[in-house]
Protein backbone atom coordinates (compact mmCIF):
# COMPACT_ATOMS: atom_id res chain seq x y z
CA MET A 1 0.00 0.00 0.00
CA PRO A 2 1.57 3.34 -1.02
CA GLN A 3 2.42 5.78 1.74
CA ASP A 4 0.27 8.89 2.09
CA PRO A 5 2.46 11.87 1.02
CA THR A 6 0.63 14.15 3.42
CA LYS A 7 1.36 11.89 6.39
CA SER A 8 4.96 11.57 5.28
CA GLU A 9 5.39 15.35 5.12
CA THR A 10 3.71 15.78 8.49
CA SER A 11 5.97 13.16 10.05
CA ALA A 12 9.06 14.87 8.61
CA LEU A 13 7.88 18.24 9.96
CA LEU A 14 7.30 16.80 13.43
CA ARG A 15 10.78 15.27 13.43
CA ARG A 16 12.31 18.62 12.58
CA LEU A 17 10.15 20.64 14.96
CA PRO A 18 12.53 20.43 17.96
CA LEU A 19 15.50 21.55 15.86
CA VAL A 20 13.52 24.32 14.19
CA THR A 21 12.35 25.50 17.62
CA ILE A 22 15.92 25.58 18.89
CA LEU A 23 17.10 27.57 15.88
CA LEU A 24 14.23 30.06 16.21
CA VAL A 25 14.80 30.55 19.95
CA ALA A 26 18.55 30.92 19.31
CA ALA A 27 17.90 33.59 16.68
CA VAL A 28 15.50 35.54 18.91
CA GLY A 29 17.75 35.13 21.95
CA ALA A 30 20.78 36.45 20.09
CA PHE A 31 19.04 39.82 19.77
CA THR A 32 16.91 40.00 22.91
CA LEU A 33 19.10 38.43 25.62
CA ARG A 34 22.53 39.70 24.63
CA ASP A 35 22.34 42.66 27.05
CA TYR A 36 20.91 40.61 29.91
CA LEU A 37 23.22 37.57 29.92
CA SER A 38 26.32 39.69 30.34
CA PHE A 39 29.14 40.42 32.74
CA ASP A 40 27.52 43.74 33.66
CA THR A 41 24.34 41.93 34.75
CA LEU A 42 26.35 39.55 36.92
CA ARG A 43 28.30 42.43 38.46
CA ASP A 44 25.19 44.50 39.18
CA ASN A 45 23.32 41.59 40.77
CA ARG A 46 26.19 39.87 42.56
CA ALA A 47 25.05 40.76 46.08
CA ALA A 48 21.49 39.56 45.48
CA LEU A 49 22.76 36.32 43.95
CA LEU A 50 25.06 35.60 46.89
CA ASP A 51 22.31 36.37 49.41
CA PHE A 52 19.88 34.07 47.63
CA ARG A 53 22.51 31.32 47.41
CA ASP A 54 23.22 31.57 51.15
CA ALA A 55 19.51 31.40 51.98
CA HIS A 56 18.53 28.71 49.42
CA PHE A 57 21.61 26.78 48.36
CA ALA A 58 19.90 23.72 46.88
CA LEU A 59 17.36 25.81 44.98
CA THR A 60 20.12 28.05 43.66
CA ALA A 61 22.13 25.06 42.47
CA LEU A 62 19.13 23.47 40.72
CA GLY A 63 18.06 26.79 39.21
CA PHE A 64 21.57 27.50 37.98
CA VAL A 65 21.99 24.08 36.36
CA GLY A 66 18.55 24.33 34.76
CA ALA A 67 19.24 27.80 33.39
CA TYR A 68 22.64 26.70 32.06
CA VAL A 69 21.07 23.70 30.32
CA LEU A 70 18.60 26.01 28.56
CA VAL A 71 21.37 28.42 27.52
CA VAL A 72 23.33 25.61 25.88
CA ALA A 73 20.35 23.67 24.49
CA PHE A 74 18.96 26.77 22.76
CA SER A 75 22.42 28.17 21.88
CA LEU A 76 21.61 31.40 23.70
CA PRO A 77 24.25 34.07 24.27
CA GLY A 78 25.89 34.00 27.67
CA ALA A 79 27.39 30.51 28.03
CA THR A 80 30.72 32.00 29.10
CA ILE A 81 28.97 34.26 31.62
CA ALA A 82 27.08 31.24 32.92
CA THR A 83 30.37 29.41 33.45
CA LEU A 84 31.81 32.40 35.31
CA THR A 85 28.65 32.56 37.41
CA GLY A 86 29.06 28.92 38.37
CA GLY A 87 32.52 29.66 39.70
CA PHE A 88 31.39 32.87 41.39
CA LEU A 89 28.51 31.18 43.22
CA PHE A 90 29.89 27.73 43.98
CA GLY A 91 33.69 27.92 43.78
CA THR A 92 36.06 26.15 41.41
CA VAL A 93 35.39 22.52 42.35
CA LEU A 94 31.62 22.47 42.81
CA GLY A 95 31.17 25.12 40.14
CA SER A 96 33.09 23.00 37.64
CA VAL A 97 30.88 19.99 38.41
CA PHE A 98 27.73 22.04 37.85
CA ASN A 99 29.10 23.74 34.73
CA VAL A 100 30.32 20.58 33.01
CA THR A 101 27.17 18.63 33.91
CA ALA A 102 24.82 21.37 32.71
CA ALA A 103 26.78 22.02 29.51
CA THR A 104 26.80 18.29 28.71
CA LEU A 105 23.05 17.98 29.30
CA GLY A 106 22.31 21.02 27.15
CA ALA A 107 24.63 19.84 24.39
CA THR A 108 22.99 16.40 24.46
CA LEU A 109 19.54 17.93 24.01
CA ILE A 110 20.57 19.89 20.91
CA PHE A 111 22.42 16.82 19.60
CA LEU A 112 19.28 14.69 19.92
CA ALA A 113 17.12 17.37 18.32
CA ALA A 114 19.52 17.71 15.38
CA ARG A 115 19.93 13.95 14.90
CA HIS A 116 16.18 13.33 15.12
CA GLY A 117 15.41 16.16 12.73
CA LEU A 118 18.09 15.92 10.08
CA GLY A 119 20.87 13.64 11.26
CA ALA A 120 19.54 10.35 9.93
CA GLN A 121 18.60 11.79 6.54
CA LEU A 122 21.85 13.70 6.11
CA GLY A 123 23.90 10.79 7.42
CA ALA A 124 22.33 8.45 4.86
CA LYS A 125 23.14 10.89 2.07
CA LEU A 126 26.75 11.14 3.22
CA GLU A 127 27.01 7.36 3.51
CA ASN A 128 25.73 6.91 -0.04
CA SER A 129 27.88 9.68 -1.45
CA LYS A 130 31.03 9.11 -3.48
CA GLY A 131 34.41 10.64 -3.97
CA VAL A 132 35.93 13.14 -1.54
CA VAL A 133 32.82 13.52 0.62
CA LYS A 134 32.61 9.77 1.24
CA ARG A 135 36.32 9.56 2.04
CA ILE A 136 36.01 12.37 4.57
CA LYS A 137 33.05 10.70 6.26
CA ASP A 138 34.82 7.34 6.34
CA GLY A 139 37.88 9.02 7.86
CA ILE A 140 35.78 10.60 10.60
CA ASP A 141 33.92 7.33 11.23
CA GLN A 142 37.22 5.49 11.69
CA ASN A 143 38.47 8.07 14.19
CA GLN A 144 35.33 9.12 16.00
CA TRP A 145 36.72 9.19 19.52
CA SER A 146 39.73 11.25 18.50
CA MET A 147 37.72 13.68 16.38
CA LEU A 148 35.06 14.15 19.06
CA PHE A 149 37.64 14.98 21.70
CA LEU A 150 39.51 17.17 19.24
CA ILE A 151 36.58 19.47 18.44
CA ARG A 152 35.92 19.87 22.17
CA LEU A 153 39.51 20.63 23.12
CA VAL A 154 40.35 23.11 20.35
CA PRO A 155 39.18 26.56 21.58
CA ALA A 156 38.71 27.80 18.01
CA VAL A 157 35.82 25.38 17.35
CA PRO A 158 32.51 27.09 18.33
CA PHE A 159 30.55 25.13 20.92
CA PHE A 160 27.41 25.28 18.75
CA VAL A 161 29.26 23.71 15.81
CA ALA A 162 30.75 21.00 18.02
CA ASN A 163 27.22 20.16 19.18
CA LEU A 164 25.70 19.84 15.71
CA VAL A 165 28.38 18.21 13.54
CA PRO A 166 28.40 14.86 15.42
CA ALA A 167 24.61 14.62 15.02
CA PHE A 168 24.96 14.84 11.26
CA MET A 169 27.78 12.29 11.23
CA GLN A 170 25.68 9.59 12.97
CA VAL A 171 27.86 9.51 16.08
CA PRO A 172 26.48 7.14 18.77
CA LEU A 173 24.88 8.96 21.69
CA TYR A 174 27.13 7.50 24.38
CA ARG A 175 30.28 8.50 22.48
CA TYR A 176 28.94 12.01 22.14
CA VAL A 177 28.05 12.30 25.83
CA VAL A 178 31.34 10.87 27.11
CA SER A 179 33.52 12.94 24.76
CA THR A 180 31.52 16.09 25.53
CA PHE A 181 31.71 15.65 29.31
CA PHE A 182 35.45 15.03 29.41
CA GLY A 183 36.34 17.13 26.39
CA ILE A 184 34.89 20.37 27.75
CA MET A 185 36.25 19.77 31.24
CA PRO A 186 39.68 21.46 30.85
CA GLY A 187 38.29 24.70 29.45
CA ALA A 188 35.37 24.69 31.89
CA VAL A 189 37.69 24.35 34.88
CA VAL A 190 39.79 27.29 33.65
CA TYR A 191 36.82 29.62 33.24
CA THR A 192 35.18 28.39 36.45
CA SER A 193 38.36 29.24 38.35
CA VAL A 194 38.24 32.72 36.81
CA GLY A 195 34.65 33.01 38.01
CA ALA A 196 35.66 31.91 41.51
CA GLY A 197 37.95 34.96 41.67
CA LEU A 198 35.33 37.45 40.48
CA GLY A 199 34.84 38.83 43.98
CA GLU A 200 38.28 40.43 43.86
CA VAL A 201 37.75 41.53 40.26
CA PHE A 202 34.50 43.26 41.23
CA ALA A 203 36.19 44.91 44.20
CA ARG A 204 38.82 46.42 41.88
CA GLY A 205 36.19 47.56 39.39
CA GLU A 206 37.76 45.47 36.62
CA THR A 207 36.54 42.86 34.15
CA PRO A 208 37.82 39.26 34.04
CA ASP A 209 40.51 38.26 31.58
CA LEU A 210 38.68 35.77 29.38
CA GLY A 211 41.73 35.46 27.16
CA ILE A 212 43.45 33.52 29.93
CA ILE A 213 42.82 30.29 28.06
CA PHE A 214 45.39 31.46 25.49
CA ALA A 215 48.02 32.15 28.14
CA PRO A 216 51.03 29.82 27.71
CA HIS A 217 50.53 28.00 31.03
CA ILE A 218 46.96 27.17 29.99
CA LEU A 219 47.27 26.86 26.22
CA PHE A 220 50.27 24.50 26.16
CA PRO A 221 48.60 21.83 28.33
CA LEU A 222 45.48 22.10 26.14
CA LEU A 223 47.62 21.64 23.04
CA GLY A 224 49.13 18.62 24.74
CA LEU A 225 45.65 17.15 25.15
CA VAL A 226 44.94 17.91 21.48
CA ALA A 227 48.11 16.06 20.50
CA LEU A 228 47.06 13.16 22.74
CA ALA A 229 43.68 13.04 21.00
CA LEU A 230 45.43 12.88 17.63
CA LEU A 231 47.74 10.00 18.58
CA PRO A 232 45.21 7.25 17.76
CA VAL A 233 44.63 8.84 14.35
CA LEU A 234 48.34 8.88 13.60
CA TYR A 235 48.76 5.34 14.92
CA LYS A 236 46.01 3.97 12.69
CA ALA A 237 47.36 5.93 9.73
CA VAL A 238 50.73 4.24 10.17
CA THR A 239 49.54 0.74 11.04
CA GLY A 240 46.34 0.69 8.96
CA LYS A 241 44.34 -0.58 11.92
CA LYS A 242 40.75 0.49 12.53
CA ASP A 243 39.25 1.91 15.70
CA VAL A 244 38.97 -0.90 18.22
CA LEU A 245 36.77 1.09 20.59
CA THR A 246 33.00 0.73 20.24
């Protein structure tokens, strides 16, 4: 029995609805929330935030994680400010746990929306393609762990891009979650530690140095992790062996 074209189109629209919603909210948020999710907002409300945290710690923690998840899931402006806020409110250790957990949850939501909406269709097209495109996809498939960690560790790769590309390359969910959680950890700890020192920055009337991640004592260890992520790729290129991890 032939499939009803109307039902097929409706089903395709429903599959893409979460991704379309995310893109629309991201577009609106880029213009409407830019002035609110900012360092100035954090500075101006720091006393109220600290008072609320001291009076309602558990509620503050849950509210913060929930808000961070929404920022990442909808690709709203202010992810860096959210990370600084985590450090400011909860310190480096606990703040890093909250930041990494929330960022991973938010990234997973947008990954699932993208894969459900377009990932399967685009992945099938790439798989059935020929020539250079197919060779690139095969190369990524054979080095998924390394490539996933690589796009998380390299500061130049936008977080939004690193969230979407794996969905279109048919990366398994557990690989995406694991590589996201551990891959964003180094950078998150750096920015969380900056946030933990915001009290002194506020007292001096200054702004935090967000370029600290490019300082030699931070950048060189990150580059070392990037090189470590590339080692399996180089090893397989030399030996001709395929990825043994599943």
